[in-house]
PDB file of N, CA and C in Angstrom:
ATOM      1  N   UNK A   1       0.886  -1.188  -0.111  1.00  0.00           N
ATOM      2  CA  UNK A   1      -0.005  -0.055   0.038  1.00  0.00           C
ATOM      3  C   UNK A   1       0.926   1.233  -0.001  1.00  0.00           C
ATOM      4  N   UNK A   2       1.987   1.173   0.678  1.00  0.00           N
ATOM      5  CA  UNK A   2       2.793   2.382   0.778  1.00  0.00           C
ATOM      6  C   UNK A   2       3.516   2.645  -0.546  1.00  0.00           C
ATOM      7  N   UNK A   3       3.951   1.537  -1.047  1.00  0.00           N
ATOM      8  CA  UNK A   3       4.703   1.676  -2.360  1.00  0.00           C
ATOM      9  C   UNK A   3       3.729   2.093  -3.515  1.00  0.00           C
ATOM     10  N   UNK A   4       2.580   1.695  -3.463  1.00  0.00           N
ATOM     11  CA  UNK A   4       1.680   2.080  -4.545  1.00  0.00           C
ATOM     12  C   UNK A   4       1.333   3.615  -4.472  1.00  0.00           C
ATOM     13  N   UNK A   5       1.455   4.080  -3.309  1.00  0.00           N
ATOM     14  CA  UNK A   5       1.387   5.598  -3.122  1.00  0.00           C
ATOM     15  C   UNK A   5      -0.136   6.196  -3.096  1.00  0.00           C
ATOM     16  N   UNK A   6      -1.072   5.266  -3.065  1.00  0.00           N
ATOM     17  CA  UNK A   6      -2.463   5.584  -3.111  1.00  0.00           C
ATOM     18  C   UNK A   6      -2.840   6.216  -1.824  1.00  0.00           C
ATOM     19  N   UNK A   7      -2.286   5.896  -0.632  1.00  0.00           N
ATOM     20  CA  UNK A   7      -2.593   6.345   0.629  1.00  0.00           C
ATOM     21  C   UNK A   7      -1.326   6.787   1.326  1.00  0.00           C
ATOM     22  N   UNK A   8      -1.547   7.756   2.386  1.00  0.00           N
ATOM     23  CA  UNK A   8      -0.629   8.354   3.183  1.00  0.00           C
ATOM     24  C   UNK A   8      -0.274   7.247   4.272  1.00  0.00           C
ATOM     25  N   UNK A   9       0.794   7.400   4.910  1.00  0.00           N
ATOM     26  CA  UNK A   9       1.179   6.311   5.949  1.00  0.00           C
ATOM     27  C   UNK A   9       0.147   6.279   7.031  1.00  0.00           C
ATOM     28  N   UNK A  10      -0.353   7.455   7.495  1.00  0.00           N
ATOM     29  CA  UNK A  10      -1.262   7.444   8.519  1.00  0.00           C
ATOM     30  C   UNK A  10      -2.591   6.882   8.156  1.00  0.00           C
ATOM     31  N   UNK A  11      -3.024   7.018   6.903  1.00  0.00           N
ATOM     32  CA  UNK A  11      -4.119   6.410   6.478  1.00  0.00           C
ATOM     33  C   UNK A  11      -4.114   4.924   6.532  1.00  0.00           C
ATOM     34  N   UNK A  12      -2.945   4.486   6.044  1.00  0.00           N
ATOM     35  CA  UNK A  12      -2.707   3.005   5.933  1.00  0.00           C
ATOM     36  C   UNK A  12      -2.748   2.330   7.384  1.00  0.00           C
ATOM     37  N   UNK A  13      -2.192   3.078   8.350  1.00  0.00           N
ATOM     38  CA  UNK A  13      -2.348   2.626   9.709  1.00  0.00           C
ATOM     39  C   UNK A  13      -3.670   2.525  10.140  1.00  0.00           C
ATOM     40  N   UNK A  14      -4.659   3.503   9.910  1.00  0.00           N
ATOM     41  CA  UNK A  14      -5.958   3.320  10.199  1.00  0.00           C
ATOM     42  C   UNK A  14      -6.710   2.237   9.479  1.00  0.00           C
ATOM     43  N   UNK A  15      -6.379   2.070   8.259  1.00  0.00           N
ATOM     44  CA  UNK A  15      -6.896   1.100   7.250  1.00  0.00           C
ATOM     45  C   UNK A  15      -6.709  -0.395   7.886  1.00  0.00           C
ATOM     46  N   UNK A  16      -5.513  -0.453   8.398  1.00  0.00           N
ATOM     47  CA  UNK A  16      -5.101  -1.887   8.833  1.00  0.00           C
ATOM     48  C   UNK A  16      -5.553  -2.220  10.284  1.00  0.00           C
ATOM     49  N   UNK A  17      -6.220  -1.230  10.961  1.00  0.00           N
ATOM     50  CA  UNK A  17      -6.603  -1.378  12.306  1.00  0.00           C
ATOM     51  C   UNK A  17      -6.090  -0.628  13.374  1.00  0.00           C
ATOM     52  N   UNK A  18      -4.995   0.346  13.111  1.00  0.00           N
ATOM     53  CA  UNK A  18      -4.451   0.988  14.285  1.00  0.00           C
ATOM     54  C   UNK A  18      -5.388   2.234  14.554  1.00  0.00           C
ATOM     55  N   UNK A  19      -5.591   2.648  15.750  1.00  0.00           N
ATOM     56  CA  UNK A  19      -6.279   3.758  16.081  1.00  0.00           C
ATOM     57  C   UNK A  19      -5.298   4.855  16.305  1.00  0.00           C
ATOM     58  N   UNK A  20      -4.172   4.681  16.335  1.00  0.00           N
ATOM     59  CA  UNK A  20      -3.280   5.830  16.680  1.00  0.00           C
ATOM     60  C   UNK A  20      -1.999   5.678  15.622  1.00  0.00           C
ATOM     61  N   UNK A  21      -1.812   6.782  14.842  1.00  0.00           N
ATOM     62  CA  UNK A  21      -0.808   6.852  13.894  1.00  0.00           C
ATOM     63  C   UNK A  21       0.471   6.715  14.648  1.00  0.00           C
ATOM     64  N   UNK A  22       0.721   7.321  15.740  1.00  0.00           N
ATOM     65  CA  UNK A  22       2.068   7.325  16.354  1.00  0.00           C
ATOM     66  C   UNK A  22       2.245   5.777  16.825  1.00  0.00           C
ATOM     67  N   UNK A  23       1.348   5.004  17.247  1.00  0.00           N
ATOM     68  CA  UNK A  23       1.511   3.654  17.649  1.00  0.00           C
ATOM     69  C   UNK A  23       1.885   2.873  16.447  1.00  0.00           C
ATOM     70  N   UNK A  24       1.180   3.148  15.236  1.00  0.00           N
ATOM     71  CA  UNK A  24       1.508   2.406  14.116  1.00  0.00           C
ATOM     72  C   UNK A  24       2.886   2.676  13.714  1.00  0.00           C
ATOM     73  N   UNK A  25       3.369   4.060  13.756  1.00  0.00           N
ATOM     74  CA  UNK A  25       4.773   4.356  13.388  1.00  0.00           C
ATOM     75  C   UNK A  25       5.677   3.569  14.261  1.00  0.00           C
ATOM     76  N   UNK A  26       5.498   3.375  15.671  1.00  0.00           N
ATOM     77  CA  UNK A  26       6.286   2.665  16.506  1.00  0.00           C
ATOM     78  C   UNK A  26       6.388   1.208  16.144  1.00  0.00           C
ATOM     79  N   UNK A  27       5.314   0.607  15.959  1.00  0.00           N
ATOM     80  CA  UNK A  27       5.196  -0.747  15.500  1.00  0.00           C
ATOM     81  C   UNK A  27       5.813  -1.153  14.219  1.00  0.00           C
ATOM     82  N   UNK A  28       5.731  -0.164  13.332  1.00  0.00           N
ATOM     83  CA  UNK A  28       6.372  -0.179  11.978  1.00  0.00           C
ATOM     84  C   UNK A  28       7.866  -0.274  12.167  1.00  0.00           C
ATOM     85  N   UNK A  29       8.333   0.630  12.948  1.00  0.00           N
ATOM     86  CA  UNK A  29       9.834   0.714  13.080  1.00  0.00           C
ATOM     87  C   UNK A  29      10.294  -0.494  13.919  1.00  0.00           C
ATOM     88  N   UNK A  30       9.632  -1.052  14.926  1.00  0.00           N
ATOM     89  CA  UNK A  30      10.063  -2.269  15.678  1.00  0.00           C
ATOM     90  C   UNK A  30      10.018  -3.496  14.637  1.00  0.00           C
ATOM     91  N   UNK A  31       9.002  -3.446  13.734  1.00  0.00           N
ATOM     92  CA  UNK A  31       8.971  -4.749  12.763  1.00  0.00           C
ATOM     93  C   UNK A  31       9.930  -4.661  11.832  1.00  0.00           C
ATOM     94  N   UNK A  32      10.167  -3.453  11.181  1.00  0.00           N
ATOM     95  CA  UNK A  32      11.017  -3.357  10.002  1.00  0.00           C
ATOM     96  C   UNK A  32      12.441  -2.694  10.167  1.00  0.00           C
ATOM     97  N   UNK A  33      12.665  -2.147  11.409  1.00  0.00           N
ATOM     98  CA  UNK A  33      13.901  -1.562  11.895  1.00  0.00           C
ATOM     99  C   UNK A  33      14.272  -0.348  11.195  1.00  0.00           C
ATOM    100  N   UNK A  34      13.220   0.430  10.716  1.00  0.00           N
ATOM    101  CA  UNK A  34      13.267   1.655  10.129  1.00  0.00           C
ATOM    102  C   UNK A  34      11.941   2.430  10.187  1.00  0.00           C
ATOM    103  N   UNK A  35      12.049   3.797  10.003  1.00  0.00           N
ATOM    104  CA  UNK A  35      10.757   4.506   9.811  1.00  0.00           C
ATOM    105  C   UNK A  35      10.122   4.109   8.565  1.00  0.00           C
ATOM    106  N   UNK A  36       8.813   4.443   8.465  1.00  0.00           N
ATOM    107  CA  UNK A  36       8.078   4.239   7.193  1.00  0.00           C
ATOM    108  C   UNK A  36       8.691   5.081   6.006  1.00  0.00           C
ATOM    109  N   UNK A  37       9.215   6.319   6.319  1.00  0.00           N
ATOM    110  CA  UNK A  37       9.756   7.235   5.340  1.00  0.00           C
ATOM    111  C   UNK A  37      11.039   6.608   4.730  1.00  0.00           C
ATOM    112  N   UNK A  38      11.764   6.082   5.665  1.00  0.00           N
ATOM    113  CA  UNK A  38      13.083   5.337   5.288  1.00  0.00           C
ATOM    114  C   UNK A  38      12.654   4.176   4.262  1.00  0.00           C
ATOM    115  N   UNK A  39      11.655   3.438   4.682  1.00  0.00           N
ATOM    116  CA  UNK A  39      11.162   2.275   3.966  1.00  0.00           C
ATOM    117  C   UNK A  39      10.758   2.679   2.530  1.00  0.00           C
ATOM    118  N   UNK A  40      10.029   3.650   2.497  1.00  0.00           N
ATOM    119  CA  UNK A  40       9.634   4.234   1.179  1.00  0.00           C
ATOM    120  C   UNK A  40      10.783   4.661   0.346  1.00  0.00           C
ATOM    121  N   UNK A  41      11.732   5.280   0.919  1.00  0.00           N
ATOM    122  CA  UNK A  41      12.883   5.886   0.149  1.00  0.00           C
ATOM    123  C   UNK A  41      13.639   4.597  -0.366  1.00  0.00           C
ATOM    124  N   UNK A  42      13.885   3.707   0.430  1.00  0.00           N
ATOM    125  CA  UNK A  42      14.684   2.524   0.098  1.00  0.00           C
ATOM    126  C   UNK A  42      13.891   1.717  -1.137  1.00  0.00           C
ATOM    127  N   UNK A  43      12.577   1.623  -0.986  1.00  0.00           N
ATOM    128  CA  UNK A  43      11.714   0.856  -1.938  1.00  0.00           C
ATOM    129  C   UNK A  43      11.791   1.547  -3.250  1.00  0.00           C
ATOM    130  N   UNK A  44      11.749   2.834  -3.203  1.00  0.00           N
ATOM    131  CA  UNK A  44      11.769   3.646  -4.507  1.00  0.00           C
ATOM    132  C   UNK A  44      13.188   3.568  -5.193  1.00  0.00           C
ATOM    133  N   UNK A  45      14.232   3.600  -4.391  1.00  0.00           N
ATOM    134  CA  UNK A  45      15.627   3.402  -4.838  1.00  0.00           C
ATOM    135  C   UNK A  45      15.897   2.078  -5.429  1.00  0.00           C
ATOM    136  N   UNK A  46      15.302   1.182  -4.832  1.00  0.00           N
ATOM    137  CA  UNK A  46      15.397  -0.241  -5.448  1.00  0.00           C
ATOM    138  C   UNK A  46      14.648  -0.454  -6.670  1.00  0.00           C
ATOM    139  N   UNK A  47      13.506   0.133  -6.826  1.00  0.00           N
ATOM    140  CA  UNK A  47      12.581   0.095  -7.974  1.00  0.00           C
ATOM    141  C   UNK A  47      13.385   0.881  -9.150  1.00  0.00           C
ATOM    142  N   UNK A  48      14.013   2.041  -8.674  1.00  0.00           N
ATOM    143  CA  UNK A  48      14.692   2.761  -9.809  1.00  0.00           C
ATOM    144  C   UNK A  48      15.898   2.065 -10.292  1.00  0.00           C
ATOM    145  N   UNK A  49      16.593   1.301  -9.379  1.00  0.00           N
ATOM    146  CA  UNK A  49      17.777   0.485  -9.852  1.00  0.00           C
ATOM    147  C   UNK A  49      17.309  -0.647 -10.721  1.00  0.00           C
ATOM    148  N   UNK A  50      16.280  -1.210 -10.466  1.00  0.00           N
ATOM    149  CA  UNK A  50      15.750  -2.320 -11.229  1.00  0.00           C
ATOM    150  C   UNK A  50      15.423  -1.882 -12.697  1.00  0.00           C
ATOM    151  N   UNK A  51      14.815  -0.724 -12.740  1.00  0.00           N
ATOM    152  CA  UNK A  51      14.348  -0.192 -14.011  1.00  0.00           C
ATOM    153  C   UNK A  51      15.399   0.282 -14.893  1.00  0.00           C
ATOM    154  N   UNK A  52      16.637   0.524 -14.330  1.00  0.00           N
ATOM    155  CA  UNK A  52      17.668   1.132 -15.216  1.00  0.00           C
ATOM    156  C   UNK A  52      18.317   0.019 -16.089  1.00  0.00           C
TER     157      UNK A  52
END
């Protein structure tokens, strides 16, 4: 959902069942070891390198 860019990160949190965007951010960082913004940046970099 994040990579598709259709929703903002806070919206995704609510869509998947979190009632607090800050708690979603905390859980995301714990699960993936990075902030959601870092995740998106890396995903875009990887996509761009694949497309070159």
